[in-house]
Amino acid sequence: NILPPVSATMSDKPDISEVTSFDKSKLKKTETQEKNPLPTKESKEKEKKNTGN
């Protein structure tokens, strides 16, 4: 069982050469839509009254 050279193994520091050369202009602009928003304080109070707890 021969180990690969040190340069081919995972190190503590990630290789960021790909990140620094990444072309941001290739990315598309998207709109973020929240599918399951957290309940508001009002909706929680309303639910408490309806359940009788």
PDB file of N, CA and C in Angstrom:
ATOM      1  N   ASN A   1       0.848  -1.187   0.000  1.00  0.00           N
ATOM      2  CA  ASN A   1       0.000   0.000   0.000  1.00  0.00           C
ATOM      3  C   ASN A   1       0.889   1.245   0.000  1.00  0.00           C
ATOM      4  N   ILE A   2       0.955   1.917  -1.119  1.00  0.00           N
ATOM      5  CA  ILE A   2       1.806   3.099  -1.254  1.00  0.00           C
ATOM      6  C   ILE A   2       0.948   4.356  -1.110  1.00  0.00           C
ATOM      7  N   LEU A   3       1.384   5.246  -0.243  1.00  0.00           N
ATOM      8  CA  LEU A   3       0.653   6.493  -0.038  1.00  0.00           C
ATOM      9  C   LEU A   3       0.942   7.470  -1.170  1.00  0.00           C
ATOM     10  N   PRO A   4      -0.063   8.288  -1.532  1.00  0.00           N
ATOM     11  CA  PRO A   4       0.183   9.292  -2.577  1.00  0.00           C
ATOM     12  C   PRO A   4       1.112  10.385  -2.046  1.00  0.00           C
ATOM     13  N   PRO A   5       1.712  11.158  -2.927  1.00  0.00           N
ATOM     14  CA  PRO A   5       2.587  12.236  -2.449  1.00  0.00           C
ATOM     15  C   PRO A   5       1.815  13.236  -1.594  1.00  0.00           C
ATOM     16  N   VAL A   6       2.510  13.930  -0.734  1.00  0.00           N
ATOM     17  CA  VAL A   6       1.882  14.862   0.203  1.00  0.00           C
ATOM     18  C   VAL A   6       1.036  15.899  -0.529  1.00  0.00           C
ATOM     19  N   SER A   7       1.458  16.351  -1.672  1.00  0.00           N
ATOM     20  CA  SER A   7       0.722  17.377  -2.413  1.00  0.00           C
ATOM     21  C   SER A   7      -0.650  16.881  -2.885  1.00  0.00           C
ATOM     22  N   ALA A   8      -0.828  15.579  -3.024  1.00  0.00           N
ATOM     23  CA  ALA A   8      -2.090  15.026  -3.509  1.00  0.00           C
ATOM     24  C   ALA A   8      -3.073  14.739  -2.379  1.00  0.00           C
ATOM     25  N   THR A   9      -2.630  14.801  -1.141  1.00  0.00           N
ATOM     26  CA  THR A   9      -3.520  14.503  -0.019  1.00  0.00           C
ATOM     27  C   THR A   9      -4.174  15.774   0.499  1.00  0.00           C
ATOM     28  N   MET A  10      -5.208  15.595   1.302  1.00  0.00           N
ATOM     29  CA  MET A  10      -5.888  16.737   1.905  1.00  0.00           C
ATOM     30  C   MET A  10      -4.977  17.374   2.948  1.00  0.00           C
ATOM     31  N   SER A  11      -4.939  18.685   2.951  1.00  0.00           N
ATOM     32  CA  SER A  11      -4.139  19.377   3.955  1.00  0.00           C
ATOM     33  C   SER A  11      -5.064  20.215   4.827  1.00  0.00           C
ATOM     34  N   ASP A  12      -4.506  20.842   5.835  1.00  0.00           N
ATOM     35  CA  ASP A  12      -5.302  21.689   6.721  1.00  0.00           C
ATOM     36  C   ASP A  12      -5.853  22.901   5.984  1.00  0.00           C
ATOM     37  N   LYS A  13      -5.088  23.403   5.036  1.00  0.00           N
ATOM     38  CA  LYS A  13      -5.521  24.582   4.286  1.00  0.00           C
ATOM     39  C   LYS A  13      -6.090  24.146   2.938  1.00  0.00           C
ATOM     40  N   PRO A  14      -7.333  24.554   2.637  1.00  0.00           N
ATOM     41  CA  PRO A  14      -7.913  24.179   1.344  1.00  0.00           C
ATOM     42  C   PRO A  14      -7.210  24.888   0.187  1.00  0.00           C
ATOM     43  N   ASP A  15      -7.278  24.275  -0.967  1.00  0.00           N
ATOM     44  CA  ASP A  15      -6.670  24.851  -2.164  1.00  0.00           C
ATOM     45  C   ASP A  15      -7.638  25.886  -2.733  1.00  0.00           C
ATOM     46  N   ILE A  16      -7.288  27.157  -2.624  1.00  0.00           N
ATOM     47  CA  ILE A  16      -8.202  28.207  -3.081  1.00  0.00           C
ATOM     48  C   ILE A  16      -7.835  28.757  -4.456  1.00  0.00           C
ATOM     49  N   SER A  17      -6.954  28.084  -5.155  1.00  0.00           N
ATOM     50  CA  SER A  17      -6.560  28.575  -6.477  1.00  0.00           C
ATOM     51  C   SER A  17      -7.753  28.585  -7.439  1.00  0.00           C
ATOM     52  N   GLU A  18      -8.626  27.591  -7.328  1.00  0.00           N
ATOM     53  CA  GLU A  18      -9.821  27.553  -8.180  1.00  0.00           C
ATOM     54  C   GLU A  18     -10.770  28.696  -7.830  1.00  0.00           C
ATOM     55  N   VAL A  19     -10.874  28.998  -6.551  1.00  0.00           N
ATOM     56  CA  VAL A  19     -11.784  30.050  -6.102  1.00  0.00           C
ATOM     57  C   VAL A  19     -11.313  31.420  -6.585  1.00  0.00           C
ATOM     58  N   THR A  20     -10.040  31.670  -6.492  1.00  0.00           N
ATOM     59  CA  THR A  20      -9.521  32.980  -6.892  1.00  0.00           C
ATOM     60  C   THR A  20      -9.617  33.202  -8.396  1.00  0.00           C
ATOM     61  N   SER A  21      -9.604  32.122  -9.171  1.00  0.00           N
ATOM     62  CA  SER A  21      -9.685  32.277 -10.624  1.00  0.00           C
ATOM     63  C   SER A  21     -11.112  32.106 -11.152  1.00  0.00           C
ATOM     64  N   PHE A  22     -12.085  31.993 -10.256  1.00  0.00           N
ATOM     65  CA  PHE A  22     -13.478  31.787 -10.655  1.00  0.00           C
ATOM     66  C   PHE A  22     -14.054  33.041 -11.308  1.00  0.00           C
ATOM     67  N   ASP A  23     -14.784  32.861 -12.399  1.00  0.00           N
ATOM     68  CA  ASP A  23     -15.363  33.991 -13.124  1.00  0.00           C
ATOM     69  C   ASP A  23     -16.794  34.231 -12.646  1.00  0.00           C
ATOM     70  N   LYS A  24     -16.991  35.281 -11.861  1.00  0.00           N
ATOM     71  CA  LYS A  24     -18.314  35.585 -11.308  1.00  0.00           C
ATOM     72  C   LYS A  24     -19.325  35.969 -12.378  1.00  0.00           C
ATOM     73  N   SER A  25     -18.861  36.457 -13.504  1.00  0.00           N
ATOM     74  CA  SER A  25     -19.776  36.901 -14.556  1.00  0.00           C
ATOM     75  C   SER A  25     -20.552  35.737 -15.174  1.00  0.00           C
ATOM     76  N   LYS A  26     -20.108  34.513 -14.939  1.00  0.00           N
ATOM     77  CA  LYS A  26     -20.819  33.344 -15.468  1.00  0.00           C
ATOM     78  C   LYS A  26     -22.033  32.974 -14.618  1.00  0.00           C
ATOM     79  N   LEU A  27     -22.119  33.561 -13.429  1.00  0.00           N
ATOM     80  CA  LEU A  27     -23.246  33.263 -12.547  1.00  0.00           C
ATOM     81  C   LEU A  27     -24.487  34.019 -12.995  1.00  0.00           C
ATOM     82  N   LYS A  28     -25.646  33.409 -12.761  1.00  0.00           N
ATOM     83  CA  LYS A  28     -26.906  34.055 -13.107  1.00  0.00           C
ATOM     84  C   LYS A  28     -27.504  34.695 -11.861  1.00  0.00           C
ATOM     85  N   LYS A  29     -28.161  35.822 -12.039  1.00  0.00           N
ATOM     86  CA  LYS A  29     -28.838  36.493 -10.932  1.00  0.00           C
ATOM     87  C   LYS A  29     -30.149  35.763 -10.657  1.00  0.00           C
ATOM     88  N   THR A  30     -30.406  35.474  -9.393  1.00  0.00           N
ATOM     89  CA  THR A  30     -31.650  34.784  -9.042  1.00  0.00           C
ATOM     90  C   THR A  30     -32.388  35.549  -7.959  1.00  0.00           C
ATOM     91  N   GLU A  31     -33.679  35.332  -7.900  1.00  0.00           N
ATOM     92  CA  GLU A  31     -34.510  35.922  -6.859  1.00  0.00           C
ATOM     93  C   GLU A  31     -34.722  34.877  -5.774  1.00  0.00           C
ATOM     94  N   THR A  32     -34.484  35.254  -4.540  1.00  0.00           N
ATOM     95  CA  THR A  32     -34.672  34.327  -3.433  1.00  0.00           C
ATOM     96  C   THR A  32     -36.109  34.413  -2.945  1.00  0.00           C
ATOM     97  N   GLN A  33     -36.752  33.258  -2.843  1.00  0.00           N
ATOM     98  CA  GLN A  33     -38.120  33.210  -2.335  1.00  0.00           C
ATOM     99  C   GLN A  33     -38.154  32.306  -1.120  1.00  0.00           C
ATOM    100  N   GLU A  34     -38.678  32.830  -0.021  1.00  0.00           N
ATOM    101  CA  GLU A  34     -38.758  32.043   1.197  1.00  0.00           C
ATOM    102  C   GLU A  34     -40.015  31.191   1.135  1.00  0.00           C
ATOM    103  N   LYS A  35     -39.825  29.878   1.144  1.00  0.00           N
ATOM    104  CA  LYS A  35     -40.956  28.968   0.986  1.00  0.00           C
ATOM    105  C   LYS A  35     -41.697  28.718   2.293  1.00  0.00           C
ATOM    106  N   ASN A  36     -40.957  28.696   3.398  1.00  0.00           N
ATOM    107  CA  ASN A  36     -41.576  28.384   4.676  1.00  0.00           C
ATOM    108  C   ASN A  36     -41.100  29.400   5.714  1.00  0.00           C
ATOM    109  N   PRO A  37     -41.677  30.605   5.689  1.00  0.00           N
ATOM    110  CA  PRO A  37     -41.213  31.634   6.626  1.00  0.00           C
ATOM    111  C   PRO A  37     -41.558  31.287   8.071  1.00  0.00           C
ATOM    112  N   LEU A  38     -40.782  31.810   8.987  1.00  0.00           N
ATOM    113  CA  LEU A  38     -41.052  31.576  10.403  1.00  0.00           C
ATOM    114  C   LEU A  38     -42.311  32.332  10.811  1.00  0.00           C
ATOM    115  N   PRO A  39     -43.061  31.787  11.772  1.00  0.00           N
ATOM    116  CA  PRO A  39     -44.286  32.472  12.191  1.00  0.00           C
ATOM    117  C   PRO A  39     -43.971  33.783  12.913  1.00  0.00           C
ATOM    118  N   THR A  40     -44.841  34.750  12.736  1.00  0.00           N
ATOM    119  CA  THR A  40     -44.662  36.040  13.405  1.00  0.00           C
ATOM    120  C   THR A  40     -45.184  35.939  14.832  1.00  0.00           C
ATOM    121  N   LYS A  41     -44.867  36.934  15.628  1.00  0.00           N
ATOM    122  CA  LYS A  41     -45.333  36.958  17.016  1.00  0.00           C
ATOM    123  C   LYS A  41     -46.867  36.963  17.056  1.00  0.00           C
ATOM    124  N   GLU A  42     -47.463  37.717  16.133  1.00  0.00           N
ATOM    125  CA  GLU A  42     -48.924  37.812  16.082  1.00  0.00           C
ATOM    126  C   GLU A  42     -49.562  36.457  15.767  1.00  0.00           C
ATOM    127  N   SER A  43     -48.995  35.748  14.811  1.00  0.00           N
ATOM    128  CA  SER A  43     -49.587  34.460  14.440  1.00  0.00           C
ATOM    129  C   SER A  43     -49.445  33.439  15.568  1.00  0.00           C
ATOM    130  N   LYS A  44     -48.368  33.540  16.345  1.00  0.00           N
ATOM    131  CA  LYS A  44     -48.199  32.636  17.490  1.00  0.00           C
ATOM    132  C   LYS A  44     -49.247  32.927  18.559  1.00  0.00           C
ATOM    133  N   GLU A  45     -49.469  34.213  18.836  1.00  0.00           N
ATOM    134  CA  GLU A  45     -50.466  34.603  19.840  1.00  0.00           C
ATOM    135  C   GLU A  45     -51.864  34.147  19.412  1.00  0.00           C
ATOM    136  N   LYS A  46     -52.158  34.313  18.141  1.00  0.00           N
ATOM    137  CA  LYS A  46     -53.457  33.918  17.597  1.00  0.00           C
ATOM    138  C   LYS A  46     -53.660  32.410  17.760  1.00  0.00           C
ATOM    139  N   GLU A  47     -52.610  31.646  17.480  1.00  0.00           N
ATOM    140  CA  GLU A  47     -52.694  30.193  17.590  1.00  0.00           C
ATOM    141  C   GLU A  47     -52.869  29.764  19.045  1.00  0.00           C
ATOM    142  N   LYS A  48     -52.203  30.459  19.957  1.00  0.00           N
ATOM    143  CA  LYS A  48     -52.349  30.143  21.384  1.00  0.00           C
ATOM    144  C   LYS A  48     -53.794  30.312  21.830  1.00  0.00           C
ATOM    145  N   LYS A  49     -54.422  31.397  21.384  1.00  0.00           N
ATOM    146  CA  LYS A  49     -55.816  31.669  21.759  1.00  0.00           C
ATOM    147  C   LYS A  49     -56.753  30.618  21.176  1.00  0.00           C
ATOM    148  N   ASN A  50     -56.481  30.195  19.953  1.00  0.00           N
ATOM    149  CA  ASN A  50     -57.343  29.225  19.281  1.00  0.00           C
ATOM    150  C   ASN A  50     -57.242  27.831  19.887  1.00  0.00           C
ATOM    151  N   THR A  51     -56.063  27.452  20.369  1.00  0.00           N
ATOM    152  CA  THR A  51     -55.891  26.106  20.916  1.00  0.00           C
ATOM    153  C   THR A  51     -56.278  26.032  22.386  1.00  0.00           C
ATOM    154  N   GLY A  52     -56.320  27.174  23.063  1.00  0.00           N
ATOM    155  CA  GLY A  52     -56.726  27.192  24.463  1.00  0.00           C
ATOM    156  C   GLY A  52     -55.618  26.816  25.424  1.00  0.00           C
ATOM    157  N   ASN A  53     -54.382  26.839  24.993  1.00  0.00           N
ATOM    158  CA  ASN A  53     -53.256  26.516  25.889  1.00  0.00           C
ATOM    159  C   ASN A  53     -52.802  27.740  26.639  1.00  0.00           C
TER     160      ASN A  53
END
